[in-house]
Amino acid sequence: MSDPKAMNLRFPDPEQRAAIAAAAKQEGVSMQEYILSAAYARATAVEERFLEGFKTSMARSGAAFSAEPSMVDPSAEQRAAEQEARRELEHQGRGNAA
């Protein structure tokens, strides 16, 4: 029975296998180590792109939360008008239900 820790290094394309073997030999590592290192490098590159996007998103969110209240919050007059409209809708709803 084969070692369960060993990586299956079968390649359907002999040219692909030869290219990877040559690259591993040039690096002075086994094919398994070369493939695992390449996979790790690709995964960390994806992680770095994600983290860059996340930092950008956090910066935008921080800017929105640190904006002047007058830019984000409605004015006192607008809040009063919204409350009045809400009261009128509630009053109409009670009138229709009766």
N, C-alpha and C. Protein backbone atom coordinates (compact mmCIF):
# COMPACT_ATOMS: atom_id res chain seq x y z
N MET A 1 0.86 -1.18 0.00
CA MET A 1 0.00 0.00 0.00
C MET A 1 0.89 1.23 0.00
N SER A 2 0.48 2.28 -0.70
CA SER A 2 1.30 3.48 -0.80
C SER A 2 1.19 4.32 0.47
N ASP A 3 2.17 5.17 0.66
CA ASP A 3 2.21 6.05 1.83
C ASP A 3 1.10 7.09 1.70
N PRO A 4 0.16 7.19 2.68
CA PRO A 4 -0.95 8.14 2.55
C PRO A 4 -0.49 9.60 2.60
N LYS A 5 0.73 9.85 3.07
CA LYS A 5 1.23 11.22 3.14
C LYS A 5 1.83 11.67 1.81
N ALA A 6 2.13 10.73 0.94
CA ALA A 6 2.77 11.07 -0.33
C ALA A 6 1.77 11.73 -1.27
N MET A 7 2.25 12.66 -2.03
CA MET A 7 1.41 13.36 -2.99
C MET A 7 1.43 12.61 -4.31
N ASN A 8 0.29 12.45 -4.94
CA ASN A 8 0.21 11.79 -6.23
C ASN A 8 0.73 12.75 -7.28
N LEU A 9 1.84 12.39 -7.92
CA LEU A 9 2.46 13.27 -8.90
C LEU A 9 2.29 12.73 -10.32
N ARG A 10 1.12 12.23 -10.63
CA ARG A 10 0.83 11.77 -11.99
C ARG A 10 0.33 12.94 -12.80
N PHE A 11 0.87 13.09 -13.97
CA PHE A 11 0.48 14.18 -14.86
C PHE A 11 0.01 13.59 -16.18
N PRO A 12 -1.19 13.97 -16.64
CA PRO A 12 -1.65 13.44 -17.92
C PRO A 12 -0.82 13.99 -19.09
N ASP A 13 -0.21 15.13 -18.91
CA ASP A 13 0.58 15.76 -19.97
C ASP A 13 2.06 15.58 -19.65
N PRO A 14 2.79 14.77 -20.43
CA PRO A 14 4.21 14.56 -20.15
C PRO A 14 5.05 15.84 -20.25
N GLU A 15 4.62 16.76 -21.12
CA GLU A 15 5.35 18.03 -21.23
C GLU A 15 5.21 18.86 -19.96
N GLN A 16 4.03 18.82 -19.35
CA GLN A 16 3.80 19.54 -18.11
C GLN A 16 4.69 18.96 -17.00
N ARG A 17 4.74 17.64 -16.93
CA ARG A 17 5.57 16.99 -15.93
C ARG A 17 7.04 17.36 -16.13
N ALA A 18 7.48 17.34 -17.36
CA ALA A 18 8.87 17.67 -17.66
C ALA A 18 9.19 19.12 -17.27
N ALA A 19 8.27 20.02 -17.54
CA ALA A 19 8.48 21.43 -17.20
C ALA A 19 8.57 21.62 -15.69
N ILE A 20 7.68 20.94 -14.96
CA ILE A 20 7.70 21.06 -13.49
C ILE A 20 8.95 20.41 -12.93
N ALA A 21 9.33 19.27 -13.48
CA ALA A 21 10.55 18.59 -13.01
C ALA A 21 11.78 19.47 -13.24
N ALA A 22 11.84 20.11 -14.41
CA ALA A 22 12.97 20.99 -14.72
C ALA A 22 13.00 22.20 -13.78
N ALA A 23 11.83 22.77 -13.49
CA ALA A 23 11.76 23.93 -12.60
C ALA A 23 12.16 23.53 -11.18
N ALA A 24 11.71 22.35 -10.74
CA ALA A 24 12.06 21.88 -9.40
C ALA A 24 13.56 21.63 -9.31
N LYS A 25 14.13 21.01 -10.36
CA LYS A 25 15.57 20.74 -10.37
C LYS A 25 16.36 22.04 -10.33
N GLN A 26 15.89 23.05 -11.07
CA GLN A 26 16.57 24.35 -11.09
C GLN A 26 16.54 24.99 -9.70
N GLU A 27 15.45 24.80 -8.97
CA GLU A 27 15.31 25.35 -7.62
C GLU A 27 16.04 24.49 -6.59
N GLY A 28 16.39 23.27 -6.97
CA GLY A 28 17.09 22.39 -6.06
C GLY A 28 16.19 21.73 -5.03
N VAL A 29 14.93 21.50 -5.40
CA VAL A 29 13.97 20.88 -4.49
C VAL A 29 13.28 19.72 -5.21
N SER A 30 12.56 18.90 -4.44
CA SER A 30 11.79 17.82 -5.04
C SER A 30 10.59 18.39 -5.78
N MET A 31 10.01 17.59 -6.65
CA MET A 31 8.81 18.04 -7.37
C MET A 31 7.67 18.32 -6.39
N GLN A 32 7.55 17.46 -5.39
CA GLN A 32 6.48 17.65 -4.41
C GLN A 32 6.67 18.98 -3.68
N GLU A 33 7.87 19.26 -3.25
CA GLU A 33 8.13 20.52 -2.54
C GLU A 33 7.91 21.72 -3.46
N TYR A 34 8.31 21.59 -4.71
CA TYR A 34 8.14 22.68 -5.66
C TYR A 34 6.64 22.97 -5.87
N ILE A 35 5.86 21.92 -6.05
CA ILE A 35 4.42 22.09 -6.28
C ILE A 35 3.75 22.68 -5.05
N LEU A 36 4.10 22.17 -3.87
CA LEU A 36 3.51 22.71 -2.64
C LEU A 36 3.91 24.17 -2.42
N SER A 37 5.15 24.51 -2.73
CA SER A 37 5.59 25.90 -2.58
C SER A 37 4.83 26.82 -3.54
N ALA A 38 4.63 26.34 -4.76
CA ALA A 38 3.88 27.14 -5.74
C ALA A 38 2.44 27.33 -5.30
N ALA A 39 1.83 26.27 -4.76
CA ALA A 39 0.45 26.37 -4.28
C ALA A 39 0.36 27.34 -3.10
N TYR A 40 1.34 27.27 -2.22
CA TYR A 40 1.35 28.18 -1.07
C TYR A 40 1.53 29.63 -1.54
N ALA A 41 2.40 29.85 -2.49
CA ALA A 41 2.63 31.21 -3.01
C ALA A 41 1.35 31.76 -3.65
N ARG A 42 0.65 30.91 -4.39
CA ARG A 42 -0.59 31.35 -5.02
C ARG A 42 -1.65 31.67 -3.97
N ALA A 43 -1.75 30.82 -2.95
CA ALA A 43 -2.75 31.05 -1.89
C ALA A 43 -2.45 32.32 -1.12
N THR A 44 -1.19 32.58 -0.82
CA THR A 44 -0.88 33.80 -0.08
C THR A 44 -1.09 35.04 -0.95
N ALA A 45 -0.89 34.92 -2.25
CA ALA A 45 -1.16 36.06 -3.14
C ALA A 45 -2.65 36.38 -3.14
N VAL A 46 -3.48 35.35 -3.16
CA VAL A 46 -4.93 35.56 -3.10
C VAL A 46 -5.30 36.20 -1.76
N GLU A 47 -4.70 35.72 -0.69
CA GLU A 47 -4.97 36.28 0.64
C GLU A 47 -4.57 37.76 0.69
N GLU A 48 -3.42 38.09 0.13
CA GLU A 48 -2.97 39.48 0.14
C GLU A 48 -3.92 40.39 -0.63
N ARG A 49 -4.41 39.91 -1.78
CA ARG A 49 -5.38 40.71 -2.54
C ARG A 49 -6.66 40.91 -1.75
N PHE A 50 -7.11 39.86 -1.07
CA PHE A 50 -8.31 39.97 -0.24
C PHE A 50 -8.09 41.00 0.86
N LEU A 51 -6.95 40.92 1.54
CA LEU A 51 -6.69 41.84 2.64
C LEU A 51 -6.57 43.28 2.16
N GLU A 52 -5.99 43.49 0.99
CA GLU A 52 -5.91 44.84 0.43
C GLU A 52 -7.32 45.39 0.18
N GLY A 53 -8.18 44.56 -0.41
CA GLY A 53 -9.56 44.97 -0.65
C GLY A 53 -10.30 45.24 0.65
N PHE A 54 -10.06 44.41 1.65
CA PHE A 54 -10.70 44.59 2.94
C PHE A 54 -10.25 45.90 3.59
N LYS A 55 -8.95 46.20 3.51
CA LYS A 55 -8.44 47.45 4.09
C LYS A 55 -9.04 48.66 3.38
N THR A 56 -9.17 48.57 2.07
CA THR A 56 -9.78 49.66 1.31
C THR A 56 -11.24 49.85 1.74
N SER A 57 -11.94 48.74 1.90
CA SER A 57 -13.34 48.80 2.33
C SER A 57 -13.45 49.40 3.73
N MET A 58 -12.56 49.00 4.62
CA MET A 58 -12.57 49.54 5.98
C MET A 58 -12.29 51.05 5.97
N ALA A 59 -11.39 51.47 5.11
CA ALA A 59 -11.08 52.91 5.03
C ALA A 59 -12.31 53.69 4.55
N ARG A 60 -13.02 53.14 3.56
CA ARG A 60 -14.24 53.81 3.08
C ARG A 60 -15.29 53.87 4.18
N SER A 61 -15.46 52.76 4.89
CA SER A 61 -16.45 52.73 5.98
C SER A 61 -16.07 53.71 7.07
N GLY A 62 -14.78 53.74 7.41
CA GLY A 62 -14.32 54.67 8.44
C GLY A 62 -14.58 56.11 8.03
N ALA A 63 -14.37 56.41 6.76
CA ALA A 63 -14.61 57.76 6.27
C ALA A 63 -16.09 58.11 6.37
N ALA A 64 -16.95 57.15 6.08
CA ALA A 64 -18.39 57.42 6.15
C ALA A 64 -18.81 57.67 7.60
N PHE A 65 -18.26 56.92 8.53
CA PHE A 65 -18.64 57.09 9.93
C PHE A 65 -18.03 58.34 10.55
N SER A 66 -16.92 58.81 10.00
CA SER A 66 -16.30 60.00 10.56
C SER A 66 -16.76 61.28 9.87
N ALA A 67 -17.68 61.16 8.91
CA ALA A 67 -18.19 62.34 8.20
C ALA A 67 -18.94 63.24 9.17
N GLU A 68 -19.04 64.48 8.80
CA GLU A 68 -19.79 65.44 9.62
C GLU A 68 -21.23 64.97 9.76
N PRO A 69 -21.79 65.09 10.94
CA PRO A 69 -23.17 64.64 11.14
C PRO A 69 -24.17 65.28 10.18
N SER A 70 -23.94 66.54 9.83
CA SER A 70 -24.87 67.21 8.93
C SER A 70 -24.87 66.58 7.54
N MET A 71 -23.76 65.93 7.18
CA MET A 71 -23.67 65.30 5.86
C MET A 71 -24.40 63.96 5.85
N VAL A 72 -24.48 63.30 6.98
CA VAL A 72 -25.05 61.97 7.05
C VAL A 72 -26.45 61.99 7.63
N ASP A 73 -26.63 62.69 8.73
CA ASP A 73 -27.91 62.73 9.43
C ASP A 73 -28.85 63.73 8.77
N PRO A 74 -30.15 63.41 8.78
CA PRO A 74 -31.11 64.37 8.25
C PRO A 74 -31.22 65.57 9.20
N SER A 75 -31.64 66.68 8.66
CA SER A 75 -31.79 67.88 9.48
C SER A 75 -32.95 67.69 10.46
N ALA A 76 -33.01 68.56 11.45
CA ALA A 76 -34.09 68.49 12.44
C ALA A 76 -35.45 68.65 11.75
N GLU A 77 -35.51 69.54 10.76
CA GLU A 77 -36.77 69.76 10.04
C GLU A 77 -37.18 68.50 9.28
N GLN A 78 -36.20 67.83 8.66
CA GLN A 78 -36.50 66.62 7.90
C GLN A 78 -36.97 65.51 8.85
N ARG A 79 -36.32 65.38 10.00
CA ARG A 79 -36.75 64.37 10.98
C ARG A 79 -38.17 64.65 11.46
N ALA A 80 -38.47 65.93 11.72
CA ALA A 80 -39.82 66.29 12.18
C ALA A 80 -40.86 65.98 11.10
N ALA A 81 -40.54 66.26 9.85
CA ALA A 81 -41.46 65.97 8.75
C ALA A 81 -41.68 64.47 8.61
N GLU A 82 -40.61 63.68 8.77
CA GLU A 82 -40.74 62.23 8.68
C GLU A 82 -41.60 61.69 9.83
N GLN A 83 -41.40 62.23 11.02
CA GLN A 83 -42.21 61.78 12.17
C GLN A 83 -43.68 62.14 11.98
N GLU A 84 -43.93 63.33 11.45
CA GLU A 84 -45.31 63.76 11.19
C GLU A 84 -45.95 62.85 10.14
N ALA A 85 -45.22 62.53 9.10
CA ALA A 85 -45.74 61.65 8.05
C ALA A 85 -46.02 60.26 8.62
N ARG A 86 -45.14 59.77 9.50
CA ARG A 86 -45.35 58.47 10.13
C ARG A 86 -46.62 58.48 10.98
N ARG A 87 -46.82 59.57 11.75
CA ARG A 87 -48.02 59.68 12.58
C ARG A 87 -49.28 59.68 11.73
N GLU A 88 -49.23 60.41 10.60
CA GLU A 88 -50.39 60.47 9.71
C GLU A 88 -50.69 59.09 9.12
N LEU A 89 -49.65 58.35 8.74
CA LEU A 89 -49.87 57.01 8.20
C LEU A 89 -50.45 56.09 9.25
N GLU A 90 -49.94 56.17 10.46
CA GLU A 90 -50.47 55.34 11.55
C GLU A 90 -51.93 55.69 11.83
N HIS A 91 -52.24 56.99 11.81
CA HIS A 91 -53.62 57.44 12.07
C HIS A 91 -54.55 56.93 10.97
N GLN A 92 -54.09 57.00 9.73
CA GLN A 92 -54.90 56.52 8.59
C GLN A 92 -55.12 55.02 8.71
N GLY A 93 -54.08 54.31 9.14
CA GLY A 93 -54.18 52.86 9.28
C GLY A 93 -55.20 52.47 10.32
N ARG A 94 -55.25 53.21 11.42
CA ARG A 94 -56.24 52.92 12.47
C ARG A 94 -57.65 53.24 11.98
N GLY A 95 -57.79 54.32 11.20
CA GLY A 95 -59.09 54.71 10.69
C GLY A 95 -59.64 53.68 9.73
N ASN A 96 -58.79 53.09 8.90
CA ASN A 96 -59.24 52.09 7.95
C ASN A 96 -59.60 50.78 8.63
N ALA A 97 -58.94 50.48 9.75
CA ALA A 97 -59.18 49.21 10.42
C ALA A 97 -60.51 49.24 11.17
N ALA A 98 -61.01 50.39 11.49
CA ALA A 98 -62.24 50.49 12.31
C ALA A 98 -63.49 50.22 11.56
